[in-house]
Amino acid sequence: MYDVRGEPGAGEAGYVAFVEVAWGRYLGVARLLTGDPHRAEELLQDCLVKLYPRWRRVTRGGDPHAYLRRMLVNGNVSLWRRARRERLVAEPPDGEDVRAAPGDPDEALRRALAVLPRRQRAVVVLRYYADLSEKDVAAALGCALGTVKIHHARAMARLRELLPQPDQRSEGVRR
């Protein structure tokens, strides 16, 4: 239940309403952060479970959306660290070339995002998918604005290398 300002209420009904409104949006963010739909659902569920006991304090003193975004980023780092420790294999896996992606542009983007280091991926996802300003991304990641700008620039340069560029001639642009 939302109050007259459109903010979620501090009670259990406010929490339930927040989850109903935010589930789809943050599931997409989690999918792009983790690169795996199953881990994304697990990450979002874990974060929402951890958010519930803190709900009254979060709604009283801050923005629950910002708090949940920060929980997702931190939770993804924890998942990444656990997964990194658990992946011992006899032979290294074959490298995957993201440029060899099938014709689906969304699939190519997901594969290219998976290649980026986790902080760069988080900056790109929060900046473009969650539509946050650079200042808000810095707050969500707990780092300086300059750090966000550096990660953004490096990520965009790498994505330009990995993703096929549209043919400018087919778009009517003259050289």
Protein backbone atom coordinates (compact mmCIF):
# COMPACT_ATOMS: atom_id res chain seq x y z
CA MET A 1 0.00 0.00 0.00
CA TYR A 2 1.39 3.35 -1.03
CA ASP A 3 0.80 6.59 0.84
CA VAL A 4 -0.45 9.88 -0.63
CA ARG A 5 3.06 10.83 -1.86
CA GLY A 6 3.31 7.58 -3.84
CA GLU A 7 5.87 6.16 -1.41
CA PRO A 8 5.54 2.63 -0.05
CA GLY A 9 4.00 2.41 3.41
CA ALA A 10 5.99 1.27 6.41
CA GLY A 11 3.78 -1.73 7.24
CA GLU A 12 3.56 -5.22 5.86
CA ALA A 13 1.02 -4.13 3.25
CA GLY A 14 3.50 -1.50 2.03
CA TYR A 15 6.19 -4.15 1.71
CA VAL A 16 3.90 -6.47 -0.26
CA ALA A 17 2.88 -3.63 -2.58
CA PHE A 18 6.53 -2.70 -3.08
CA VAL A 19 7.44 -6.28 -4.01
CA GLU A 20 4.52 -6.54 -6.45
CA VAL A 21 5.47 -3.31 -8.18
CA ALA A 22 9.23 -3.84 -8.18
CA TRP A 23 9.55 -7.58 -8.90
CA GLY A 24 9.71 -7.42 -12.71
CA ARG A 25 11.95 -4.39 -12.82
CA TYR A 26 14.51 -5.75 -10.38
CA LEU A 27 14.39 -9.26 -11.80
CA GLY A 28 15.60 -7.75 -15.07
CA VAL A 29 18.39 -5.90 -13.27
CA ALA A 30 19.38 -9.09 -11.44
CA ARG A 31 19.41 -11.08 -14.69
CA LEU A 32 21.74 -8.61 -16.32
CA LEU A 33 23.98 -8.45 -13.25
CA THR A 34 24.31 -12.22 -12.88
CA GLY A 35 24.00 -13.32 -16.49
CA ASP A 36 21.89 -16.29 -15.38
CA PRO A 37 18.10 -16.24 -14.94
CA HIS A 38 18.14 -18.86 -12.17
CA ARG A 39 20.82 -17.12 -10.14
CA ALA A 40 19.00 -13.83 -10.75
CA GLU A 41 15.78 -15.14 -9.21
CA GLU A 42 17.71 -16.56 -6.27
CA LEU A 43 19.56 -13.27 -5.79
CA LEU A 44 16.38 -11.17 -5.90
CA GLN A 45 14.52 -13.51 -3.54
CA ASP A 46 17.41 -13.47 -1.07
CA CYS A 47 17.55 -9.67 -1.17
CA LEU A 48 13.79 -9.31 -0.66
CA VAL A 49 13.90 -11.75 2.27
CA LYS A 50 16.70 -9.72 3.84
CA LEU A 51 14.82 -6.46 3.14
CA TYR A 52 11.64 -7.49 4.97
CA PRO A 53 12.95 -7.24 8.57
CA ARG A 54 14.53 -3.87 7.72
CA TRP A 55 11.46 -2.54 5.89
CA ARG A 56 10.21 -0.05 8.50
CA ARG A 57 13.66 1.46 8.99
CA VAL A 58 14.32 1.66 5.23
CA THR A 59 10.99 3.36 4.45
CA ARG A 60 11.34 5.73 7.38
CA GLY A 61 14.81 6.96 6.55
CA GLY A 62 15.42 6.42 2.87
CA ASP A 63 14.54 5.15 -0.56
CA PRO A 64 13.68 1.42 -0.63
CA HIS A 65 14.45 1.24 -4.36
CA ALA A 66 18.00 2.51 -3.81
CA TYR A 67 18.40 0.15 -0.85
CA LEU A 68 17.28 -2.85 -2.92
CA ARG A 69 19.56 -1.90 -5.82
CA ARG A 70 22.51 -1.76 -3.45
CA MET A 71 21.51 -5.14 -1.98
CA LEU A 72 21.40 -6.64 -5.48
CA VAL A 73 24.85 -5.38 -6.39
CA ASN A 74 26.36 -6.54 -3.09
CA GLY A 75 24.54 -9.86 -3.27
CA ASN A 76 25.81 -10.42 -6.79
CA VAL A 77 29.37 -9.84 -5.61
CA SER A 78 28.84 -12.46 -2.89
CA LEU A 79 27.42 -14.94 -5.43
CA TRP A 80 30.32 -14.24 -7.75
CA ARG A 81 32.88 -14.85 -5.01
CA ARG A 82 31.23 -18.12 -3.96
CA ALA A 83 30.93 -19.32 -7.56
CA ARG A 84 34.54 -18.41 -8.26
CA ARG A 85 35.72 -20.57 -5.38
CA GLU A 86 33.52 -23.51 -6.38
CA ARG A 87 34.51 -23.87 -10.02
CA LEU A 88 37.36 -26.32 -10.13
CA VAL A 89 37.57 -28.29 -13.37
CA ALA A 90 40.08 -30.72 -14.85
CA GLU A 91 40.32 -28.84 -18.16
CA PRO A 92 39.66 -25.19 -18.95
CA PRO A 93 36.41 -24.57 -20.84
CA ASP A 94 36.50 -23.54 -24.46
CA GLY A 95 36.42 -19.77 -24.87
CA GLU A 96 33.22 -18.37 -26.28
CA ASP A 97 33.35 -15.60 -28.86
CA VAL A 98 30.50 -13.17 -28.19
CA ARG A 99 30.77 -11.87 -31.75
CA ALA A 100 29.61 -15.28 -32.96
CA ALA A 101 26.21 -14.76 -31.29
CA PRO A 102 23.08 -15.74 -33.19
CA GLY A 103 20.97 -13.04 -34.86
CA ASP A 104 19.16 -12.06 -31.63
CA PRO A 105 20.60 -8.65 -30.63
CA ASP A 106 19.44 -9.07 -27.01
CA GLU A 107 21.29 -12.37 -26.74
CA ALA A 108 24.44 -10.78 -28.16
CA LEU A 109 24.17 -7.97 -25.59
CA ARG A 110 23.67 -10.42 -22.70
CA ARG A 111 26.69 -12.41 -23.81
CA ALA A 112 28.79 -9.26 -24.18
CA LEU A 113 27.75 -8.06 -20.71
CA ALA A 114 28.80 -11.42 -19.29
CA VAL A 115 32.33 -10.82 -20.59
CA LEU A 116 32.69 -7.51 -18.73
CA PRO A 117 34.21 -7.39 -15.25
CA ARG A 118 31.50 -7.32 -12.58
CA ARG A 119 31.90 -3.62 -11.66
CA GLN A 120 31.76 -2.50 -15.28
CA ARG A 121 28.72 -4.71 -15.85
CA ALA A 122 27.03 -3.25 -12.77
CA VAL A 123 27.67 0.31 -13.98
CA VAL A 124 26.23 -0.40 -17.44
CA VAL A 125 23.18 -2.25 -16.08
CA LEU A 126 22.38 0.39 -13.47
CA ARG A 127 23.05 3.26 -15.85
CA TYR A 128 21.08 2.06 -18.88
CA TYR A 129 18.71 -0.68 -17.74
CA ALA A 130 17.75 0.78 -14.36
CA ASP A 131 18.00 4.30 -15.88
CA LEU A 132 20.01 5.80 -13.02
CA SER A 133 22.16 8.90 -13.23
CA GLU A 134 25.91 8.56 -12.75
CA LYS A 135 25.52 10.04 -9.27
CA ASP A 136 22.87 7.44 -8.36
CA VAL A 137 25.02 4.63 -9.77
CA ALA A 138 27.91 5.83 -7.59
CA ALA A 139 25.62 5.80 -4.55
CA ALA A 140 24.33 2.30 -5.41
CA LEU A 141 27.84 0.93 -5.82
CA GLY A 142 29.29 2.84 -2.88
CA CYS A 143 32.07 4.43 -4.88
CA ALA A 144 33.13 7.84 -6.19
CA LEU A 145 31.54 9.46 -9.24
CA GLY A 146 34.91 9.40 -11.02
CA THR A 147 35.13 5.64 -10.51
CA VAL A 148 31.73 5.20 -12.14
CA LYS A 149 32.83 7.33 -15.11
CA ILE A 150 36.01 5.28 -15.57
CA HIS A 151 34.14 1.95 -15.38
CA HIS A 152 31.51 3.30 -17.78
CA ALA A 153 34.07 4.45 -20.34
CA ARG A 154 35.98 1.16 -20.22
CA ALA A 155 32.79 -0.90 -20.41
CA MET A 156 31.46 1.02 -23.39
CA ALA A 157 34.80 0.69 -25.22
CA ARG A 158 34.79 -3.07 -24.61
CA LEU A 159 31.14 -3.40 -25.68
CA ARG A 160 31.94 -1.55 -28.91
CA GLU A 161 34.62 -4.17 -29.60
CA LEU A 162 32.35 -7.10 -28.77
CA LEU A 163 29.07 -6.09 -30.35
CA PRO A 164 28.50 -5.82 -34.08
CA GLN A 165 28.16 -2.23 -35.20
CA PRO A 166 25.16 -1.38 -37.39
CA ASP A 167 26.03 -0.76 -41.01
CA GLN A 168 25.83 3.00 -41.36
CA ARG A 169 25.09 2.78 -45.08
CA SER A 170 21.92 0.81 -44.45
CA GLU A 171 20.70 3.52 -42.07
CA GLY A 172 20.95 6.23 -44.72
CA VAL A 173 24.06 7.87 -43.29
CA ARG A 174 26.46 9.14 -45.93
CA ARG A 175 30.17 8.99 -45.54
